[in-house]
Amino acid sequence: MRPFEKVIDLLGPNWRYIATDLTEGPSGNGERMVFVYDSNKVQFRNIAGEVVLPKNGLVGGIEQLARSPFLVRFQSGWFKFNLCPVHLSNLRR
């Protein structure tokens, strides 16, 4: 069992996770983004995806995102919400 799976196992049977694929390239460092949640308190609402900006949408043509933001929709009780972490690259030239 891999270390992350051990952590999920230790948390208990109600804990779930949603993970991205590996981020390629030098800015990605082979990392993943993962949302870990207690399914007794929060429900995944079946919407997940990456946010990708078109090249012509970049400010000054500068690549701003080190990794594609990963948006996921959840619900807790009546409250529906989206989470989207963003890792910005260095904007200096």
N, C-alpha and C. Protein backbone atom coordinates (compact mmCIF):
# COMPACT_ATOMS: atom_id res chain seq x y z
N MET A 1 0.84 -1.18 0.00
CA MET A 1 0.00 0.00 0.00
C MET A 1 0.90 1.25 0.00
N ARG A 2 0.58 2.22 -0.84
CA ARG A 2 1.35 3.45 -0.91
C ARG A 2 1.04 4.36 0.28
N PRO A 3 1.95 5.29 0.61
CA PRO A 3 1.76 6.14 1.79
C PRO A 3 0.42 6.90 1.81
N PHE A 4 0.02 7.46 0.67
CA PHE A 4 -1.25 8.21 0.65
C PHE A 4 -2.43 7.28 0.95
N GLU A 5 -2.40 6.10 0.38
CA GLU A 5 -3.48 5.14 0.63
C GLU A 5 -3.51 4.72 2.10
N LYS A 6 -2.35 4.67 2.74
CA LYS A 6 -2.30 4.36 4.17
C LYS A 6 -2.99 5.44 4.99
N VAL A 7 -2.75 6.70 4.61
CA VAL A 7 -3.39 7.82 5.32
C VAL A 7 -4.91 7.72 5.17
N ILE A 8 -5.39 7.49 3.97
CA ILE A 8 -6.83 7.37 3.74
C ILE A 8 -7.39 6.20 4.55
N ASP A 9 -6.67 5.11 4.60
CA ASP A 9 -7.10 3.95 5.38
C ASP A 9 -7.18 4.29 6.87
N LEU A 10 -6.20 5.05 7.37
CA LEU A 10 -6.20 5.45 8.77
C LEU A 10 -7.35 6.39 9.11
N LEU A 11 -7.74 7.24 8.16
CA LEU A 11 -8.84 8.17 8.39
C LEU A 11 -10.17 7.44 8.61
N GLY A 12 -10.36 6.33 7.91
CA GLY A 12 -11.57 5.54 8.10
C GLY A 12 -12.36 5.37 6.82
N PRO A 13 -13.41 4.53 6.88
CA PRO A 13 -14.15 4.15 5.68
C PRO A 13 -15.00 5.26 5.05
N ASN A 14 -15.23 6.34 5.78
CA ASN A 14 -16.07 7.42 5.23
C ASN A 14 -15.28 8.46 4.46
N TRP A 15 -13.97 8.34 4.48
CA TRP A 15 -13.13 9.33 3.81
C TRP A 15 -12.90 8.96 2.35
N ARG A 16 -13.03 9.95 1.49
CA ARG A 16 -12.87 9.78 0.05
C ARG A 16 -11.87 10.82 -0.46
N TYR A 17 -11.45 10.62 -1.71
CA TYR A 17 -10.58 11.62 -2.32
C TYR A 17 -10.82 11.69 -3.82
N ILE A 18 -10.48 12.86 -4.38
CA ILE A 18 -10.53 13.10 -5.82
C ILE A 18 -9.16 13.68 -6.17
N ALA A 19 -8.47 13.08 -7.14
CA ALA A 19 -7.11 13.49 -7.48
C ALA A 19 -6.98 13.80 -8.97
N THR A 20 -6.07 14.72 -9.27
CA THR A 20 -5.75 15.01 -10.67
C THR A 20 -4.73 13.98 -11.16
N ASP A 21 -4.48 14.02 -12.45
CA ASP A 21 -3.38 13.22 -12.99
C ASP A 21 -2.08 13.96 -12.66
N LEU A 22 -0.94 13.34 -12.94
CA LEU A 22 0.35 13.98 -12.68
C LEU A 22 0.53 15.20 -13.57
N THR A 23 1.08 16.26 -13.00
CA THR A 23 1.36 17.46 -13.77
C THR A 23 2.72 17.31 -14.43
N GLU A 24 2.75 17.40 -15.74
CA GLU A 24 4.00 17.23 -16.47
C GLU A 24 4.75 18.55 -16.59
N GLY A 25 6.00 18.46 -16.97
CA GLY A 25 6.81 19.64 -17.21
C GLY A 25 7.53 20.12 -15.96
N PRO A 26 8.45 21.07 -16.14
CA PRO A 26 9.26 21.54 -15.02
C PRO A 26 8.46 22.23 -13.92
N SER A 27 7.39 22.93 -14.26
CA SER A 27 6.62 23.62 -13.22
C SER A 27 5.71 22.66 -12.46
N GLY A 28 5.46 21.49 -13.03
CA GLY A 28 4.56 20.54 -12.39
C GLY A 28 5.21 19.65 -11.36
N ASN A 29 6.50 19.40 -11.50
CA ASN A 29 7.25 18.55 -10.57
C ASN A 29 6.63 17.17 -10.37
N GLY A 30 5.85 16.68 -11.32
CA GLY A 30 5.23 15.36 -11.18
C GLY A 30 4.24 15.27 -10.03
N GLU A 31 3.68 16.43 -9.62
CA GLU A 31 2.77 16.47 -8.49
C GLU A 31 1.32 16.28 -8.92
N ARG A 32 0.48 15.98 -7.94
CA ARG A 32 -0.97 15.90 -8.12
C ARG A 32 -1.62 16.87 -7.14
N MET A 33 -2.87 17.26 -7.46
CA MET A 33 -3.71 17.97 -6.48
C MET A 33 -4.77 16.98 -6.05
N VAL A 34 -5.06 16.97 -4.74
CA VAL A 34 -6.01 16.01 -4.19
C VAL A 34 -6.94 16.72 -3.21
N PHE A 35 -8.23 16.46 -3.35
CA PHE A 35 -9.21 16.89 -2.36
C PHE A 35 -9.56 15.66 -1.53
N VAL A 36 -9.39 15.76 -0.21
CA VAL A 36 -9.73 14.67 0.71
C VAL A 36 -10.91 15.17 1.54
N TYR A 37 -11.97 14.35 1.66
CA TYR A 37 -13.17 14.81 2.36
C TYR A 37 -13.88 13.66 3.08
N ASP A 38 -14.58 14.01 4.15
CA ASP A 38 -15.38 13.08 4.93
C ASP A 38 -16.76 12.98 4.27
N SER A 39 -17.07 11.85 3.67
CA SER A 39 -18.32 11.71 2.93
C SER A 39 -19.55 11.70 3.83
N ASN A 40 -19.39 11.64 5.16
CA ASN A 40 -20.52 11.79 6.07
C ASN A 40 -20.93 13.26 6.19
N LYS A 41 -20.00 14.17 5.87
CA LYS A 41 -20.26 15.60 6.04
C LYS A 41 -20.34 16.36 4.73
N VAL A 42 -19.63 15.86 3.71
CA VAL A 42 -19.54 16.55 2.43
C VAL A 42 -19.77 15.54 1.31
N GLN A 43 -20.54 15.94 0.31
CA GLN A 43 -20.79 15.07 -0.84
C GLN A 43 -20.17 15.69 -2.09
N PHE A 44 -19.52 14.86 -2.87
CA PHE A 44 -19.01 15.26 -4.18
C PHE A 44 -20.21 15.38 -5.11
N ARG A 45 -20.34 16.49 -5.84
CA ARG A 45 -21.51 16.75 -6.68
C ARG A 45 -21.27 16.43 -8.16
N ASN A 46 -20.34 15.54 -8.44
CA ASN A 46 -20.11 14.99 -9.79
C ASN A 46 -19.68 16.02 -10.83
N ILE A 47 -19.01 17.06 -10.38
CA ILE A 47 -18.42 18.02 -11.32
C ILE A 47 -16.96 18.21 -10.91
N ALA A 48 -16.06 17.93 -11.83
CA ALA A 48 -14.63 18.13 -11.60
C ALA A 48 -13.95 18.38 -12.93
N GLY A 49 -12.98 19.25 -12.96
CA GLY A 49 -12.26 19.50 -14.20
C GLY A 49 -11.16 20.52 -14.03
N GLU A 50 -10.31 20.61 -15.02
CA GLU A 50 -9.22 21.57 -15.02
C GLU A 50 -9.66 22.86 -15.70
N VAL A 51 -9.14 23.97 -15.20
CA VAL A 51 -9.38 25.28 -15.80
C VAL A 51 -8.16 25.61 -16.64
N VAL A 52 -8.36 25.80 -17.94
CA VAL A 52 -7.25 26.07 -18.85
C VAL A 52 -7.51 27.40 -19.56
N LEU A 53 -6.55 28.31 -19.47
CA LEU A 53 -6.68 29.61 -20.12
C LEU A 53 -6.13 29.52 -21.54
N PRO A 54 -6.85 30.10 -22.52
CA PRO A 54 -6.30 30.13 -23.87
C PRO A 54 -5.10 31.07 -23.94
N LYS A 55 -4.18 30.80 -24.83
CA LYS A 55 -2.96 31.62 -24.95
C LYS A 55 -3.29 33.10 -25.17
N ASN A 56 -4.35 33.40 -25.93
CA ASN A 56 -4.70 34.80 -26.17
C ASN A 56 -5.40 35.43 -24.97
N GLY A 57 -5.68 34.65 -23.92
CA GLY A 57 -6.29 35.17 -22.70
C GLY A 57 -5.29 35.49 -21.62
N LEU A 58 -4.00 35.32 -21.91
CA LEU A 58 -2.96 35.58 -20.92
C LEU A 58 -2.63 37.07 -20.86
N VAL A 59 -2.43 37.59 -19.68
CA VAL A 59 -2.09 39.01 -19.50
C VAL A 59 -0.66 39.23 -19.98
N GLY A 60 -0.50 40.05 -20.98
CA GLY A 60 0.83 40.34 -21.52
C GLY A 60 1.51 39.14 -22.14
N GLY A 61 0.77 38.08 -22.45
CA GLY A 61 1.32 36.88 -23.05
C GLY A 61 2.17 36.06 -22.10
N ILE A 62 2.11 36.38 -20.79
CA ILE A 62 2.92 35.68 -19.79
C ILE A 62 2.14 34.48 -19.25
N GLU A 63 2.81 33.34 -19.22
CA GLU A 63 2.21 32.14 -18.63
C GLU A 63 2.08 32.37 -17.12
N GLN A 64 0.83 32.41 -16.64
CA GLN A 64 0.61 32.78 -15.24
C GLN A 64 0.40 31.58 -14.31
N LEU A 65 -0.07 30.48 -14.84
CA LEU A 65 -0.41 29.34 -14.01
C LEU A 65 0.69 28.28 -14.09
N ALA A 66 1.26 27.95 -12.95
CA ALA A 66 2.29 26.92 -12.92
C ALA A 66 1.67 25.54 -13.13
N ARG A 67 0.44 25.38 -12.65
CA ARG A 67 -0.32 24.14 -12.83
C ARG A 67 -1.75 24.51 -13.15
N SER A 68 -2.43 23.71 -13.93
CA SER A 68 -3.83 23.99 -14.25
C SER A 68 -4.67 23.89 -12.98
N PRO A 69 -5.47 24.93 -12.68
CA PRO A 69 -6.35 24.85 -11.52
C PRO A 69 -7.35 23.70 -11.68
N PHE A 70 -7.67 23.05 -10.60
CA PHE A 70 -8.57 21.89 -10.59
C PHE A 70 -9.82 22.25 -9.80
N LEU A 71 -10.95 22.35 -10.48
CA LEU A 71 -12.21 22.76 -9.87
C LEU A 71 -13.04 21.54 -9.52
N VAL A 72 -13.57 21.51 -8.30
CA VAL A 72 -14.43 20.41 -7.86
C VAL A 72 -15.63 20.99 -7.12
N ARG A 73 -16.82 20.42 -7.36
CA ARG A 73 -18.05 20.87 -6.70
C ARG A 73 -18.42 19.91 -5.58
N PHE A 74 -18.74 20.50 -4.41
CA PHE A 74 -19.17 19.74 -3.24
C PHE A 74 -20.47 20.31 -2.68
N GLN A 75 -21.06 19.56 -1.75
CA GLN A 75 -22.23 20.05 -1.03
C GLN A 75 -22.17 19.52 0.40
N SER A 76 -22.50 20.40 1.34
CA SER A 76 -22.62 20.02 2.75
C SER A 76 -23.95 20.57 3.23
N GLY A 77 -24.90 19.67 3.50
CA GLY A 77 -26.25 20.11 3.85
C GLY A 77 -26.84 20.86 2.67
N TRP A 78 -27.34 22.06 2.91
CA TRP A 78 -27.94 22.87 1.84
C TRP A 78 -26.89 23.68 1.07
N PHE A 79 -25.67 23.77 1.61
CA PHE A 79 -24.63 24.64 1.05
C PHE A 79 -23.86 23.95 -0.07
N LYS A 80 -23.96 24.48 -1.28
CA LYS A 80 -23.20 23.97 -2.43
C LYS A 80 -22.04 24.91 -2.68
N PHE A 81 -20.85 24.34 -2.96
CA PHE A 81 -19.68 25.18 -3.17
C PHE A 81 -18.69 24.52 -4.10
N ASN A 82 -17.87 25.35 -4.74
CA ASN A 82 -16.79 24.90 -5.61
C ASN A 82 -15.47 25.24 -4.95
N LEU A 83 -14.49 24.36 -5.09
CA LEU A 83 -13.13 24.63 -4.64
C LEU A 83 -12.22 24.59 -5.86
N CYS A 84 -11.31 25.55 -5.93
CA CYS A 84 -10.41 25.60 -7.07
C CYS A 84 -9.07 26.19 -6.64
N PRO A 85 -8.11 25.33 -6.24
CA PRO A 85 -6.79 25.87 -5.86
C PRO A 85 -6.04 26.34 -7.11
N VAL A 86 -5.27 27.40 -6.92
CA VAL A 86 -4.51 28.00 -8.03
C VAL A 86 -3.05 28.14 -7.60
N HIS A 87 -2.14 27.66 -8.44
CA HIS A 87 -0.71 27.80 -8.19
C HIS A 87 -0.17 28.74 -9.26
N LEU A 88 0.10 29.99 -8.86
CA LEU A 88 0.58 30.98 -9.80
C LEU A 88 2.08 30.86 -10.00
N SER A 89 2.51 31.11 -11.23
CA SER A 89 3.94 31.12 -11.50
C SER A 89 4.48 32.51 -11.21
N ASN A 90 5.77 32.65 -11.24
CA ASN A 90 6.42 33.93 -11.03
C ASN A 90 6.12 34.82 -12.23
N LEU A 91 5.51 35.96 -12.01
CA LEU A 91 5.11 36.84 -13.12
C LEU A 91 6.20 37.81 -13.53
N ARG A 92 7.33 37.81 -12.86
CA ARG A 92 8.42 38.71 -13.24
C ARG A 92 9.08 38.23 -14.52
N ARG A 93 9.53 39.15 -15.31
CA ARG A 93 10.24 38.82 -16.54
C ARG A 93 11.71 38.96 -16.36
